[in-house]
Amino acid sequence: MTTQGSATLVAQAEVAMALAEVSEGVVPSQALLDALGMDIEECGITNTILVNELPPFASIYLSQDGNIGGQSHAEIAGFYLAISARVPPNPDYLSSLLYLLGQILKKEAEFLDIDIDIDKPRAKAIENAKFTLVRHHLAPWLVPYLLRVKQLSGSENPVWAELGLDLISSILRPGIPRSLERDLDQPTQEPIQAFGDSAEFITWVTTPALSGVIVAPADLARMARDLGLATRIGRKRFVLEGLTQQDGRAILGAFDRFVATQRDLYLARSAEFDVLHSWCYRSVTTQKRIRATLEME
């Protein structure tokens, strides 16, 4: 007999797998699109953002160098092995993680539909796997990532990103909300260091795990356009290097404003998602470092 709890898990699993399909550029069936409240046009816009602006690899947003691979990639691969799941070629790719979440949710639903007293340890292991995947390998980067997708989509209510946020929220069941603004305004006990040179600045702001911001190529193009600077074609660090060579101080000012918008973005949902707390703190540190650098020039 299907219980209310198992029906919820199945629904969550279907959402996770539908989100995975869209992230891969696969257009779900019309029936599923209708159920999700999406259309083909939005699927195309979402996929364009993922391909051109925000590569959906967890390691980019979790690693200390902002690149694909590394320790975070290895940790996610280790999670697959720990639950006896096949490790895909790109274990930290968003669609791989969402498909895995969908499979775990379906398996959890199956146990709710039977007498779990038959195998309580197994049922508990599946539940633990779900929370570990979401808490440690998805939410810490996917929540701010989805907020950036919403910003870049140009839509007031981008369904794909909001469905992803709703899915994470429904699984993690937020605790007591608390405001971060007062904490963020407190003076830091550690001295704030200005950036030693443009290379250090570029490395910092293009590494989300350090800076607390996710910079997309469109952000750099907009800054260049607003400042009347020429842009290169290439990776973000290469483009940003060219911009700082033209007018480093102006770029620092532009990033000061950009980081402030990202902090506000996180604050608006920080009561719902605890993972945004660390992103808020890192973005504030980045803004303080930028301003310290501007004061030195």
Protein backbone atom coordinates (compact mmCIF):
# COMPACT_ATOMS: atom_id res chain seq x y z
CA MET A 1 0.00 0.00 0.00
CA THR A 2 1.32 3.41 -0.94
CA THR A 3 1.61 5.74 2.04
CA GLN A 4 1.55 9.53 2.06
CA GLY A 5 5.24 9.54 2.93
CA SER A 6 6.18 7.26 0.04
CA ALA A 7 4.06 9.30 -2.37
CA THR A 8 6.01 12.41 -1.34
CA LEU A 9 9.30 10.62 -1.89
CA VAL A 10 8.22 9.40 -5.33
CA ALA A 11 7.17 12.93 -6.28
CA GLN A 12 10.55 14.26 -5.11
CA ALA A 13 12.30 11.56 -7.12
CA GLU A 14 10.38 12.48 -10.27
CA VAL A 15 11.27 16.16 -9.82
CA ALA A 16 14.95 15.32 -9.30
CA MET A 17 15.08 13.23 -12.46
CA ALA A 18 13.17 15.80 -14.50
CA LEU A 19 15.58 18.52 -13.39
CA ALA A 20 18.45 16.23 -14.38
CA GLU A 21 17.00 15.75 -17.87
CA VAL A 22 16.65 19.49 -18.41
CA SER A 23 20.21 20.10 -17.19
CA GLU A 24 21.44 17.68 -19.86
CA GLY A 25 19.52 19.42 -22.61
CA VAL A 26 16.93 16.64 -22.80
CA VAL A 27 13.41 18.01 -23.20
CA PRO A 28 11.00 16.05 -20.95
CA SER A 29 7.69 14.82 -22.30
CA GLN A 30 4.92 17.37 -22.69
CA ALA A 31 3.00 15.69 -19.88
CA LEU A 32 5.95 16.08 -17.52
CA LEU A 33 6.54 19.68 -18.64
CA ASP A 34 2.90 20.45 -17.87
CA ALA A 35 3.20 18.81 -14.46
CA LEU A 36 6.31 20.86 -13.66
CA GLY A 37 4.84 24.07 -15.02
CA MET A 38 7.64 24.48 -17.57
CA ASP A 39 7.74 24.94 -21.33
CA ILE A 40 10.22 24.05 -24.04
CA GLU A 41 11.46 27.63 -24.29
CA GLU A 42 12.46 27.72 -20.64
CA CYS A 43 14.22 24.37 -21.00
CA GLY A 44 16.30 25.88 -23.79
CA ILE A 45 17.13 29.02 -21.82
CA THR A 46 18.12 27.00 -18.77
CA ASN A 47 20.37 24.70 -20.74
CA THR A 48 22.05 27.66 -22.46
CA ILE A 49 22.88 29.17 -19.06
CA LEU A 50 24.32 25.86 -17.85
CA VAL A 51 26.43 25.42 -20.97
CA ASN A 52 27.62 29.00 -21.54
CA GLU A 53 27.54 30.68 -18.12
CA LEU A 54 27.53 28.26 -15.18
CA PRO A 55 29.15 24.86 -15.80
CA PRO A 56 27.21 22.44 -13.56
CA PHE A 57 30.17 20.65 -11.95
CA ALA A 58 30.17 20.60 -8.15
CA SER A 59 33.97 20.67 -7.93
CA ILE A 60 34.13 24.13 -9.55
CA TYR A 61 32.15 25.59 -6.65
CA LEU A 62 33.57 23.47 -3.84
CA SER A 63 37.28 23.19 -4.65
CA GLN A 64 39.94 25.56 -3.38
CA ASP A 65 41.18 26.29 -6.92
CA GLY A 66 37.83 26.71 -8.68
CA ASN A 67 38.59 23.99 -11.21
CA ILE A 68 36.94 20.72 -12.20
CA GLY A 69 38.36 17.75 -10.32
CA GLY A 70 40.43 17.78 -7.18
CA GLN A 71 39.49 16.76 -3.66
CA SER A 72 35.78 17.56 -3.89
CA HIS A 73 35.50 15.47 -7.08
CA ALA A 74 37.22 12.57 -5.30
CA GLU A 75 34.94 12.89 -2.28
CA ILE A 76 31.82 12.71 -4.43
CA ALA A 77 33.18 9.69 -6.30
CA GLY A 78 33.86 8.13 -2.91
CA PHE A 79 30.23 8.66 -1.94
CA TYR A 80 29.07 6.63 -4.94
CA LEU A 81 31.39 3.82 -3.89
CA ALA A 82 30.28 4.03 -0.26
CA ILE A 83 26.66 3.31 -1.22
CA SER A 84 27.68 0.66 -3.79
CA ALA A 85 26.55 2.75 -6.75
CA ARG A 86 28.27 2.81 -10.11
CA VAL A 87 30.60 5.79 -10.42
CA PRO A 88 29.74 7.71 -13.62
CA PRO A 89 32.45 9.33 -15.79
CA ASN A 90 31.65 12.73 -14.22
CA PRO A 91 30.42 11.97 -10.70
CA ASP A 92 30.25 15.66 -9.71
CA TYR A 93 28.16 16.65 -12.76
CA LEU A 94 24.76 18.02 -11.75
CA SER A 95 22.64 15.61 -13.77
CA SER A 96 24.58 12.63 -12.35
CA LEU A 97 23.95 13.83 -8.80
CA LEU A 98 20.26 14.53 -9.45
CA TYR A 99 19.73 11.13 -11.06
CA LEU A 100 21.42 9.51 -8.07
CA LEU A 101 19.19 11.48 -5.70
CA GLY A 102 16.13 10.34 -7.63
CA GLN A 103 17.19 6.70 -7.37
CA ILE A 104 17.78 6.99 -3.61
CA LEU A 105 14.41 8.66 -3.09
CA LYS A 106 12.65 5.90 -5.03
CA LYS A 107 14.41 3.23 -3.02
CA GLU A 108 13.43 4.98 0.21
CA ALA A 109 9.81 5.09 -0.97
CA GLU A 110 9.87 1.35 -1.61
CA PHE A 111 10.88 0.70 1.98
CA LEU A 112 8.04 2.86 3.29
CA ASP A 113 5.56 0.78 1.30
CA ILE A 114 6.63 -2.42 3.04
CA ASP A 115 7.16 -3.37 6.64
CA ILE A 116 10.49 -1.63 7.33
CA ASP A 117 10.83 -3.70 10.51
CA ILE A 118 11.97 -6.44 8.16
CA ASP A 119 15.20 -4.55 7.48
CA LYS A 120 15.46 -1.46 9.67
CA PRO A 121 19.24 -1.05 9.19
CA ARG A 122 18.84 -1.04 5.41
CA ALA A 123 16.01 1.51 5.55
CA LYS A 124 18.06 3.76 7.82
CA ALA A 125 21.09 3.45 5.55
CA ILE A 126 19.06 4.63 2.56
CA GLU A 127 17.73 7.62 4.51
CA ASN A 128 21.24 8.49 5.66
CA ALA A 129 22.52 8.26 2.09
CA LYS A 130 19.86 10.75 0.98
CA PHE A 131 20.75 13.29 3.65
CA THR A 132 24.49 12.86 3.08
CA LEU A 133 24.10 13.42 -0.65
CA VAL A 134 21.99 16.55 -0.23
CA ARG A 135 23.71 18.06 2.81
CA HIS A 136 27.30 17.47 1.77
CA HIS A 137 27.41 17.10 -2.01
CA LEU A 138 24.45 19.07 -3.40
CA ALA A 139 23.12 21.85 -1.17
CA PRO A 140 26.50 23.48 -0.31
CA TRP A 141 26.96 24.54 -3.94
CA LEU A 142 23.65 23.97 -5.68
CA VAL A 143 21.65 26.46 -3.60
CA PRO A 144 23.81 29.51 -4.51
CA TYR A 145 24.20 28.08 -8.01
CA LEU A 146 20.42 27.95 -8.54
CA LEU A 147 20.08 31.50 -7.20
CA ARG A 148 22.56 32.61 -9.86
CA VAL A 149 20.65 30.70 -12.55
CA LYS A 150 17.56 32.65 -11.49
CA GLN A 151 19.48 35.93 -11.81
CA LEU A 152 20.84 35.14 -15.24
CA SER A 153 17.62 33.71 -16.67
CA GLY A 154 16.00 37.11 -17.04
CA SER A 155 12.73 35.64 -15.81
CA GLU A 156 10.85 36.69 -12.70
CA ASN A 157 10.05 33.08 -11.86
CA PRO A 158 12.36 30.57 -13.58
CA VAL A 159 10.67 27.27 -12.83
CA TRP A 160 13.70 24.96 -13.19
CA ALA A 161 15.80 26.83 -10.63
CA GLU A 162 12.93 27.32 -8.19
CA LEU A 163 11.96 23.65 -8.40
CA GLY A 164 15.52 22.73 -7.51
CA LEU A 165 15.48 25.05 -4.50
CA ASP A 166 12.10 23.69 -3.40
CA LEU A 167 13.38 20.13 -3.71
CA ILE A 168 16.41 20.79 -1.50
CA SER A 169 14.31 22.70 1.02
CA SER A 170 11.72 19.91 1.25
CA ILE A 171 14.41 17.32 1.94
CA LEU A 172 16.46 19.29 4.45
CA ARG A 173 13.44 20.69 6.30
CA PRO A 174 14.87 24.05 7.46
CA GLY A 175 15.24 24.64 11.18
CA ILE A 176 14.56 27.83 13.11
CA PRO A 177 15.23 30.83 10.84
CA ARG A 178 17.74 33.39 12.03
CA SER A 179 18.90 36.67 10.55
CA LEU A 180 22.50 37.00 9.45
CA GLU A 181 22.59 40.74 8.90
CA ARG A 182 23.53 41.61 12.48
CA ASP A 183 26.30 38.97 12.50
CA LEU A 184 27.69 40.19 9.17
CA ASP A 185 27.88 43.75 10.40
CA GLN A 186 30.05 42.81 13.38
CA PRO A 187 33.73 43.84 13.03
CA THR A 188 36.02 40.93 12.24
CA GLN A 189 38.72 39.92 14.70
CA GLU A 190 41.12 39.03 11.91
CA PRO A 191 42.88 41.73 9.88
CA ILE A 192 41.58 42.15 6.34
CA GLN A 193 44.36 41.88 3.79
CA ALA A 194 44.29 43.83 0.57
CA PHE A 195 45.05 41.90 -2.62
CA GLY A 196 48.76 41.90 -3.31
CA ASP A 197 48.34 42.16 -7.08
CA SER A 198 45.84 41.62 -9.87
CA ALA A 199 46.76 37.94 -10.17
CA GLU A 200 45.78 37.29 -6.57
CA PHE A 201 42.55 39.22 -7.03
CA ILE A 202 41.62 37.29 -10.18
CA THR A 203 42.34 33.91 -8.59
CA TRP A 204 40.30 34.84 -5.53
CA VAL A 205 37.15 36.18 -7.21
CA THR A 206 37.00 33.35 -9.75
CA THR A 207 37.19 30.70 -7.01
CA PRO A 208 33.75 30.49 -5.37
CA ALA A 209 35.03 28.49 -2.39
CA LEU A 210 37.27 31.46 -1.53
CA SER A 211 35.27 34.49 -2.65
CA GLY A 212 31.72 33.42 -1.92
CA VAL A 213 30.58 34.63 -5.35
CA ILE A 214 29.89 32.83 -8.61
CA VAL A 215 31.09 34.91 -11.55
CA ALA A 216 29.62 34.16 -14.98
CA PRO A 217 31.02 35.33 -18.34
CA ALA A 218 27.90 37.48 -18.72
CA ASP A 219 28.86 39.37 -15.54
CA LEU A 220 32.26 40.25 -16.98
CA ALA A 221 30.74 41.27 -20.30
CA ARG A 222 28.30 43.56 -18.52
CA MET A 223 31.07 45.14 -16.42
CA ALA A 224 33.16 45.76 -19.53
CA ARG A 225 30.21 47.28 -21.36
CA ASP A 226 29.33 49.55 -18.43
CA LEU A 227 32.96 50.71 -18.11
CA GLY A 228 33.60 51.04 -21.83
CA LEU A 229 36.35 48.38 -21.81
CA ALA A 230 37.22 45.86 -24.49
CA THR A 231 36.78 42.17 -23.68
CA ARG A 232 38.79 39.16 -24.71
CA ILE A 233 37.34 35.84 -25.78
CA GLY A 234 38.34 32.99 -23.51
CA ARG A 235 38.14 31.64 -20.00
CA LYS A 236 36.97 33.93 -17.22
CA ARG A 237 40.43 34.40 -15.72
CA PHE A 238 41.86 35.32 -19.11
CA VAL A 239 39.02 37.79 -19.75
CA LEU A 240 39.37 39.33 -16.29
CA GLU A 241 43.12 39.67 -16.73
CA GLY A 242 42.53 41.75 -19.84
CA LEU A 243 40.00 43.95 -18.06
CA THR A 244 42.25 44.63 -15.08
CA GLN A 245 45.10 45.54 -17.43
CA GLN A 246 42.90 48.22 -18.99
CA ASP A 247 41.54 49.72 -15.76
CA GLY A 248 42.21 47.74 -12.61
CA ARG A 249 40.68 50.27 -10.25
CA ALA A 250 37.45 50.47 -12.21
CA ILE A 251 37.18 46.67 -12.21
CA LEU A 252 37.71 46.59 -8.45
CA GLY A 253 34.87 49.07 -8.08
CA ALA A 254 32.64 47.03 -10.37
CA PHE A 255 33.35 43.90 -8.34
CA ASP A 256 32.65 45.76 -5.12
CA ARG A 257 29.14 46.43 -6.41
CA PHE A 258 28.75 42.93 -7.83
CA VAL A 259 29.75 41.24 -4.58
CA ALA A 260 27.26 43.42 -2.68
CA THR A 261 24.43 42.18 -4.94
CA GLN A 262 25.48 38.58 -4.31
CA ARG A 263 25.51 39.10 -0.57
CA ASP A 264 21.96 40.47 -0.76
CA LEU A 265 20.96 37.51 -2.93
CA TYR A 266 22.15 35.08 -0.24
CA LEU A 267 20.68 37.06 2.63
CA ALA A 268 17.24 36.96 1.07
CA ARG A 269 17.16 33.14 1.33
CA SER A 270 19.59 32.55 4.22
CA ALA A 271 16.80 31.86 6.73
CA GLU A 272 15.61 29.04 4.48
CA PHE A 273 19.01 27.61 3.56
CA ASP A 274 21.72 27.38 6.22
CA VAL A 275 24.31 26.61 3.54
CA LEU A 276 24.10 30.23 2.43
CA HIS A 277 25.55 31.44 5.73
CA SER A 278 29.11 30.56 4.75
CA TRP A 279 28.59 32.10 1.30
CA CYS A 280 27.45 35.33 2.97
CA TYR A 281 30.51 35.45 5.21
CA ARG A 282 32.90 34.75 2.34
CA SER A 283 31.31 37.41 0.13
CA VAL A 284 31.62 39.96 2.94
CA THR A 285 35.32 39.10 3.33
CA THR A 286 35.79 39.52 -0.41
CA GLN A 287 34.14 42.93 -0.38
CA LYS A 288 36.32 44.05 2.54
CA ARG A 289 39.46 42.89 0.70
CA ILE A 290 38.40 44.78 -2.41
CA ARG A 291 37.80 47.96 -0.43
CA ALA A 292 41.11 47.58 1.40
CA THR A 293 42.82 47.32 -1.97
CA LEU A 294 41.02 50.39 -3.30
CA GLU A 295 42.13 52.40 -0.24
CA MET A 296 45.76 51.51 -0.96
CA GLU A 297 45.67 52.80 -4.53
